[in-house]
PDB file of N, CA and C in Angstrom:
ATOM      1  N   MET A   1      28.473   4.031  13.535  1.00  0.00           N
ATOM      2  CA  MET A   1      29.875   3.899  13.192  1.00  0.00           C
ATOM      3  C   MET A   1      30.210   2.426  13.014  1.00  0.00           C
ATOM      4  N   GLY A   2      31.078   2.180  12.068  1.00  0.00           N
ATOM      5  CA  GLY A   2      31.481   0.807  11.783  1.00  0.00           C
ATOM      6  C   GLY A   2      32.668   0.373  12.616  1.00  0.00           C
ATOM      7  N   LYS A   3      33.066  -0.845  12.401  1.00  0.00           N
ATOM      8  CA  LYS A   3      34.228  -1.368  13.101  1.00  0.00           C
ATOM      9  C   LYS A   3      35.497  -0.851  12.438  1.00  0.00           C
ATOM     10  N   VAL A   4      36.492  -0.596  13.248  1.00  0.00           N
ATOM     11  CA  VAL A   4      37.768  -0.102  12.753  1.00  0.00           C
ATOM     12  C   VAL A   4      38.663  -1.290  12.435  1.00  0.00           C
ATOM     13  N   ARG A   5      39.230  -1.288  11.250  1.00  0.00           N
ATOM     14  CA  ARG A   5      40.147  -2.353  10.867  1.00  0.00           C
ATOM     15  C   ARG A   5      41.565  -1.805  10.883  1.00  0.00           C
ATOM     16  N   THR A   6      42.493  -2.612  11.358  1.00  0.00           N
ATOM     17  CA  THR A   6      43.877  -2.167  11.449  1.00  0.00           C
ATOM     18  C   THR A   6      44.520  -2.128  10.070  1.00  0.00           C
ATOM     19  N   THR A   7      45.620  -1.431   9.990  1.00  0.00           N
ATOM     20  CA  THR A   7      46.351  -1.322   8.737  1.00  0.00           C
ATOM     21  C   THR A   7      46.857  -2.681   8.284  1.00  0.00           C
ATOM     22  N   LEU A   8      47.259  -3.524   9.228  1.00  0.00           N
ATOM     23  CA  LEU A   8      47.740  -4.865   8.889  1.00  0.00           C
ATOM     24  C   LEU A   8      46.659  -5.668   8.169  1.00  0.00           C
ATOM     25  N   VAL A   9      45.443  -5.598   8.665  1.00  0.00           N
ATOM     26  CA  VAL A   9      44.334  -6.334   8.061  1.00  0.00           C
ATOM     27  C   VAL A   9      44.075  -5.813   6.656  1.00  0.00           C
ATOM     28  N   LYS A  10      43.981  -4.507   6.502  1.00  0.00           N
ATOM     29  CA  LYS A  10      43.682  -3.916   5.201  1.00  0.00           C
ATOM     30  C   LYS A  10      44.791  -4.182   4.186  1.00  0.00           C
ATOM     31  N   ARG A  11      46.032  -3.992   4.612  1.00  0.00           N
ATOM     32  CA  ARG A  11      47.161  -4.178   3.716  1.00  0.00           C
ATOM     33  C   ARG A  11      47.262  -5.632   3.249  1.00  0.00           C
ATOM     34  N   THR A  12      47.139  -6.561   4.185  1.00  0.00           N
ATOM     35  CA  THR A  12      47.226  -7.980   3.855  1.00  0.00           C
ATOM     36  C   THR A  12      46.089  -8.397   2.925  1.00  0.00           C
ATOM     37  N   ALA A  13      44.880  -7.938   3.215  1.00  0.00           N
ATOM     38  CA  ALA A  13      43.722  -8.285   2.390  1.00  0.00           C
ATOM     39  C   ALA A  13      43.887  -7.750   0.970  1.00  0.00           C
ATOM     40  N   ARG A  14      44.337  -6.519   0.846  1.00  0.00           N
ATOM     41  CA  ARG A  14      44.518  -5.941  -0.492  1.00  0.00           C
ATOM     42  C   ARG A  14      45.595  -6.670  -1.281  1.00  0.00           C
ATOM     43  N   LYS A  15      46.689  -7.040  -0.603  1.00  0.00           N
ATOM     44  CA  LYS A  15      47.756  -7.778  -1.282  1.00  0.00           C
ATOM     45  C   LYS A  15      47.267  -9.139  -1.756  1.00  0.00           C
ATOM     46  N   LEU A  16      46.521  -9.834  -0.899  1.00  0.00           N
ATOM     47  CA  LEU A  16      45.992 -11.141  -1.287  1.00  0.00           C
ATOM     48  C   LEU A  16      45.022 -11.024  -2.451  1.00  0.00           C
ATOM     49  N   LEU A  17      44.160 -10.008  -2.424  1.00  0.00           N
ATOM     50  CA  LEU A  17      43.209  -9.801  -3.525  1.00  0.00           C
ATOM     51  C   LEU A  17      43.916  -9.449  -4.822  1.00  0.00           C
ATOM     52  N   GLU A  18      44.981  -8.680  -4.711  1.00  0.00           N
ATOM     53  CA  GLU A  18      45.734  -8.289  -5.901  1.00  0.00           C
ATOM     54  C   GLU A  18      46.468  -9.495  -6.494  1.00  0.00           C
ATOM     55  N   LYS A  19      47.015 -10.330  -5.626  1.00  0.00           N
ATOM     56  CA  LYS A  19      47.809 -11.473  -6.074  1.00  0.00           C
ATOM     57  C   LYS A  19      46.951 -12.653  -6.536  1.00  0.00           C
ATOM     58  N   TYR A  20      45.826 -12.891  -5.849  1.00  0.00           N
ATOM     59  CA  TYR A  20      44.955 -14.031  -6.150  1.00  0.00           C
ATOM     60  C   TYR A  20      43.495 -13.579  -6.323  1.00  0.00           C
ATOM     61  N   PRO A  21      43.180 -12.797  -7.336  1.00  0.00           N
ATOM     62  CA  PRO A  21      41.808 -12.269  -7.453  1.00  0.00           C
ATOM     63  C   PRO A  21      40.750 -13.333  -7.737  1.00  0.00           C
ATOM     64  N   ASP A  22      41.146 -14.430  -8.373  1.00  0.00           N
ATOM     65  CA  ASP A  22      40.162 -15.445  -8.755  1.00  0.00           C
ATOM     66  C   ASP A  22      39.815 -16.407  -7.623  1.00  0.00           C
ATOM     67  N   LEU A  23      40.590 -16.398  -6.548  1.00  0.00           N
ATOM     68  CA  LEU A  23      40.347 -17.339  -5.457  1.00  0.00           C
ATOM     69  C   LEU A  23      39.239 -16.898  -4.511  1.00  0.00           C
ATOM     70  N   PHE A  24      38.943 -15.613  -4.481  1.00  0.00           N
ATOM     71  CA  PHE A  24      38.031 -15.085  -3.481  1.00  0.00           C
ATOM     72  C   PHE A  24      36.637 -14.832  -4.053  1.00  0.00           C
ATOM     73  N   THR A  25      35.625 -15.024  -3.190  1.00  0.00           N
ATOM     74  CA  THR A  25      34.234 -14.809  -3.573  1.00  0.00           C
ATOM     75  C   THR A  25      33.570 -13.904  -2.540  1.00  0.00           C
ATOM     76  N   GLY A  26      32.273 -13.746  -2.651  1.00  0.00           N
ATOM     77  CA  GLY A  26      31.516 -12.959  -1.692  1.00  0.00           C
ATOM     78  C   GLY A  26      31.104 -13.764  -0.467  1.00  0.00           C
ATOM     79  N   ASP A  27      31.581 -14.998  -0.350  1.00  0.00           N
ATOM     80  CA  ASP A  27      31.230 -15.885   0.755  1.00  0.00           C
ATOM     81  C   ASP A  27      32.341 -15.888   1.802  1.00  0.00           C
ATOM     82  N   PHE A  28      32.016 -15.484   3.019  1.00  0.00           N
ATOM     83  CA  PHE A  28      32.999 -15.388   4.091  1.00  0.00           C
ATOM     84  C   PHE A  28      33.628 -16.735   4.420  1.00  0.00           C
ATOM     85  N   GLU A  29      32.827 -17.784   4.513  1.00  0.00           N
ATOM     86  CA  GLU A  29      33.348 -19.108   4.885  1.00  0.00           C
ATOM     87  C   GLU A  29      34.375 -19.611   3.862  1.00  0.00           C
ATOM     88  N   HIS A  30      34.083 -19.397   2.599  1.00  0.00           N
ATOM     89  CA  HIS A  30      35.028 -19.799   1.552  1.00  0.00           C
ATOM     90  C   HIS A  30      36.317 -18.987   1.667  1.00  0.00           C
ATOM     91  N   ASN A  31      36.188 -17.679   1.842  1.00  0.00           N
ATOM     92  CA  ASN A  31      37.355 -16.804   1.943  1.00  0.00           C
ATOM     93  C   ASN A  31      38.193 -17.142   3.166  1.00  0.00           C
ATOM     94  N   LYS A  32      37.543 -17.548   4.239  1.00  0.00           N
ATOM     95  CA  LYS A  32      38.263 -17.910   5.465  1.00  0.00           C
ATOM     96  C   LYS A  32      39.175 -19.112   5.213  1.00  0.00           C
ATOM     97  N   LYS A  33      38.677 -20.092   4.488  1.00  0.00           N
ATOM     98  CA  LYS A  33      39.489 -21.271   4.174  1.00  0.00           C
ATOM     99  C   LYS A  33      40.659 -20.915   3.262  1.00  0.00           C
ATOM    100  N   VAL A  34      40.398 -20.059   2.275  1.00  0.00           N
ATOM    101  CA  VAL A  34      41.451 -19.662   1.345  1.00  0.00           C
ATOM    102  C   VAL A  34      42.533 -18.874   2.071  1.00  0.00           C
ATOM    103  N   VAL A  35      42.134 -17.948   2.926  1.00  0.00           N
ATOM    104  CA  VAL A  35      43.102 -17.141   3.666  1.00  0.00           C
ATOM    105  C   VAL A  35      43.952 -18.027   4.561  1.00  0.00           C
ATOM    106  N   SER A  36      43.357 -19.009   5.208  1.00  0.00           N
ATOM    107  CA  SER A  36      44.128 -19.874   6.101  1.00  0.00           C
ATOM    108  C   SER A  36      45.155 -20.701   5.329  1.00  0.00           C
ATOM    109  N   GLN A  37      44.898 -20.977   4.052  1.00  0.00           N
ATOM    110  CA  GLN A  37      45.864 -21.705   3.231  1.00  0.00           C
ATOM    111  C   GLN A  37      46.980 -20.794   2.726  1.00  0.00           C
ATOM    112  N   LEU A  38      46.678 -19.513   2.523  1.00  0.00           N
ATOM    113  CA  LEU A  38      47.648 -18.607   1.918  1.00  0.00           C
ATOM    114  C   LEU A  38      48.585 -17.942   2.919  1.00  0.00           C
ATOM    115  N   ILE A  39      48.125 -17.691   4.115  1.00  0.00           N
ATOM    116  CA  ILE A  39      48.975 -17.003   5.097  1.00  0.00           C
ATOM    117  C   ILE A  39      49.224 -17.898   6.301  1.00  0.00           C
ATOM    118  N   GLU A  40      50.287 -17.603   7.021  1.00  0.00           N
ATOM    119  CA  GLU A  40      50.658 -18.402   8.179  1.00  0.00           C
ATOM    120  C   GLU A  40      50.610 -17.545   9.447  1.00  0.00           C
ATOM    121  N   TYR A  41      49.413 -17.205   9.872  1.00  0.00           N
ATOM    122  CA  TYR A  41      49.226 -16.517  11.143  1.00  0.00           C
ATOM    123  C   TYR A  41      48.656 -17.514  12.138  1.00  0.00           C
ATOM    124  N   ASP A  42      49.037 -17.370  13.377  1.00  0.00           N
ATOM    125  CA  ASP A  42      48.543 -18.278  14.409  1.00  0.00           C
ATOM    126  C   ASP A  42      47.191 -17.850  14.955  1.00  0.00           C
ATOM    127  N   SER A  43      46.797 -16.633  14.668  1.00  0.00           N
ATOM    128  CA  SER A  43      45.602 -16.059  15.260  1.00  0.00           C
ATOM    129  C   SER A  43      44.368 -16.294  14.393  1.00  0.00           C
ATOM    130  N   LYS A  44      43.356 -16.931  14.975  1.00  0.00           N
ATOM    131  CA  LYS A  44      42.085 -17.122  14.265  1.00  0.00           C
ATOM    132  C   LYS A  44      41.400 -15.791  14.043  1.00  0.00           C
ATOM    133  N   LYS A  45      41.496 -14.919  15.032  1.00  0.00           N
ATOM    134  CA  LYS A  45      40.848 -13.621  14.946  1.00  0.00           C
ATOM    135  C   LYS A  45      41.391 -12.817  13.768  1.00  0.00           C
ATOM    136  N   LEU A  46      42.705 -12.819  13.610  1.00  0.00           N
ATOM    137  CA  LEU A  46      43.318 -12.080  12.511  1.00  0.00           C
ATOM    138  C   LEU A  46      42.915 -12.682  11.162  1.00  0.00           C
ATOM    139  N   ARG A  47      42.898 -14.011  11.077  1.00  0.00           N
ATOM    140  CA  ARG A  47      42.470 -14.685   9.845  1.00  0.00           C
ATOM    141  C   ARG A  47      41.040 -14.285   9.493  1.00  0.00           C
ATOM    142  N   ASN A  48      40.162 -14.279  10.496  1.00  0.00           N
ATOM    143  CA  ASN A  48      38.760 -13.929  10.262  1.00  0.00           C
ATOM    144  C   ASN A  48      38.601 -12.471   9.867  1.00  0.00           C
ATOM    145  N   GLN A  49      39.394 -11.593  10.461  1.00  0.00           N
ATOM    146  CA  GLN A  49      39.318 -10.179  10.101  1.00  0.00           C
ATOM    147  C   GLN A  49      39.751  -9.962   8.650  1.00  0.00           C
ATOM    148  N   ILE A  50      40.813 -10.643   8.242  1.00  0.00           N
ATOM    149  CA  ILE A  50      41.296 -10.516   6.866  1.00  0.00           C
ATOM    150  C   ILE A  50      40.259 -11.085   5.895  1.00  0.00           C
ATOM    151  N   ALA A  51      39.717 -12.256   6.210  1.00  0.00           N
ATOM    152  CA  ALA A  51      38.704 -12.870   5.347  1.00  0.00           C
ATOM    153  C   ALA A  51      37.454 -11.997   5.274  1.00  0.00           C
ATOM    154  N   GLY A  52      37.058 -11.406   6.373  1.00  0.00           N
ATOM    155  CA  GLY A  52      35.893 -10.525   6.390  1.00  0.00           C
ATOM    156  C   GLY A  52      36.102  -9.278   5.558  1.00  0.00           C
ATOM    157  N   TYR A  53      37.293  -8.698   5.625  1.00  0.00           N
ATOM    158  CA  TYR A  53      37.573  -7.499   4.835  1.00  0.00           C
ATOM    159  C   TYR A  53      37.638  -7.838   3.351  1.00  0.00           C
ATOM    160  N   ILE A  54      38.199  -8.998   3.015  1.00  0.00           N
ATOM    161  CA  ILE A  54      38.231  -9.430   1.613  1.00  0.00           C
ATOM    162  C   ILE A  54      36.804  -9.618   1.098  1.00  0.00           C
ATOM    163  N   THR A  55      35.951 -10.238   1.906  1.00  0.00           N
ATOM    164  CA  THR A  55      34.547 -10.428   1.528  1.00  0.00           C
ATOM    165  C   THR A  55      33.884  -9.080   1.288  1.00  0.00           C
ATOM    166  N   HIS A  56      34.152  -8.136   2.158  1.00  0.00           N
ATOM    167  CA  HIS A  56      33.605  -6.785   2.029  1.00  0.00           C
ATOM    168  C   HIS A  56      34.060  -6.141   0.718  1.00  0.00           C
ATOM    169  N   LEU A  57      35.360  -6.254   0.406  1.00  0.00           N
ATOM    170  CA  LEU A  57      35.886  -5.646  -0.819  1.00  0.00           C
ATOM    171  C   LEU A  57      35.322  -6.308  -2.067  1.00  0.00           C
ATOM    172  N   VAL A  58      35.183  -7.624  -2.047  1.00  0.00           N
ATOM    173  CA  VAL A  58      34.630  -8.340  -3.207  1.00  0.00           C
ATOM    174  C   VAL A  58      33.181  -7.930  -3.435  1.00  0.00           C
ATOM    175  N   ASN A  59      32.408  -7.850  -2.367  1.00  0.00           N
ATOM    176  CA  ASN A  59      31.001  -7.452  -2.502  1.00  0.00           C
ATOM    177  C   ASN A  59      30.873  -6.009  -2.973  1.00  0.00           C
ATOM    178  N   LEU A  60      31.766  -5.139  -2.499  1.00  0.00           N
ATOM    179  CA  LEU A  60      31.759  -3.742  -2.960  1.00  0.00           C
ATOM    180  C   LEU A  60      32.044  -3.672  -4.455  1.00  0.00           C
ATOM    181  N   ALA A  61      33.036  -4.414  -4.905  1.00  0.00           N
ATOM    182  CA  ALA A  61      33.394  -4.409  -6.329  1.00  0.00           C
ATOM    183  C   ALA A  61      32.241  -4.948  -7.172  1.00  0.00           C
ATOM    184  N   ARG A  62      31.568  -5.971  -6.668  1.00  0.00           N
ATOM    185  CA  ARG A  62      30.437  -6.549  -7.392  1.00  0.00           C
ATOM    186  C   ARG A  62      29.302  -5.536  -7.527  1.00  0.00           C
ATOM    187  N   LYS A  63      29.022  -4.810  -6.437  1.00  0.00           N
ATOM    188  CA  LYS A  63      27.954  -3.806  -6.478  1.00  0.00           C
ATOM    189  C   LYS A  63      28.307  -2.673  -7.433  1.00  0.00           C
ATOM    190  N   ARG A  64      29.569  -2.264  -7.442  1.00  0.00           N
ATOM    191  CA  ARG A  64      29.998  -1.206  -8.358  1.00  0.00           C
ATOM    192  C   ARG A  64      29.840  -1.645  -9.797  1.00  0.00           C
ATOM    193  N   ALA A  65      30.208  -2.899 -10.085  1.00  0.00           N
ATOM    194  CA  ALA A  65      30.100  -3.420 -11.448  1.00  0.00           C
ATOM    195  C   ALA A  65      28.637  -3.484 -11.890  1.00  0.00           C
ATOM    196  N   GLN A  66      27.755  -3.875 -10.984  1.00  0.00           N
ATOM    197  CA  GLN A  66      26.330  -3.918 -11.321  1.00  0.00           C
ATOM    198  C   GLN A  66      25.775  -2.526 -11.559  1.00  0.00           C
ATOM    199  N   LYS A  67      26.251  -1.579 -10.769  1.00  0.00           N
ATOM    200  CA  LYS A  67      25.795  -0.202 -10.920  1.00  0.00           C
ATOM    201  C   LYS A  67      26.254   0.376 -12.255  1.00  0.00           C
ATOM    202  N   GLU A  68      27.497   0.085 -12.643  1.00  0.00           N
ATOM    203  CA  GLU A  68      28.011   0.561 -13.914  1.00  0.00           C
ATOM    204  C   GLU A  68      27.303  -0.108 -15.092  1.00  0.00           C
ATOM    205  N   ALA A  69      26.963  -1.378 -14.938  1.00  0.00           N
ATOM    206  CA  ALA A  69      26.278  -2.083 -16.004  1.00  0.00           C
ATOM    207  C   ALA A  69      24.855  -1.568 -16.212  1.00  0.00           C
ATOM    208  N   ALA A  70      24.260  -1.052 -15.143  1.00  0.00           N
ATOM    209  CA  ALA A  70      22.889  -0.538 -15.224  1.00  0.00           C
ATOM    210  C   ALA A  70      22.842   0.797 -15.965  1.00  0.00           C
ATOM    211  N   ARG A  71      23.947   1.479 -16.045  1.00  0.00           N
ATOM    212  CA  ARG A  71      23.972   2.798 -16.708  1.00  0.00           C
ATOM    213  C   ARG A  71      23.976   2.704 -18.172  1.00  0.00           C
TER     214      ARG A  71
END
């Protein structure tokens, strides 16, 4: 079983990806810096969770695109 992510993390990550799709990559460290510039949360843990979920979504989209291109 995987880790459970809260609705706040998922909702915030999706909104950021929708609003700024070109800023995010498959690199967690890069996404962490971008998230810290875009949102004003005091919690490092929350910032890291959002950046991690964004990284996960970007990598998923990349894999889907590669799979579709292979067809």
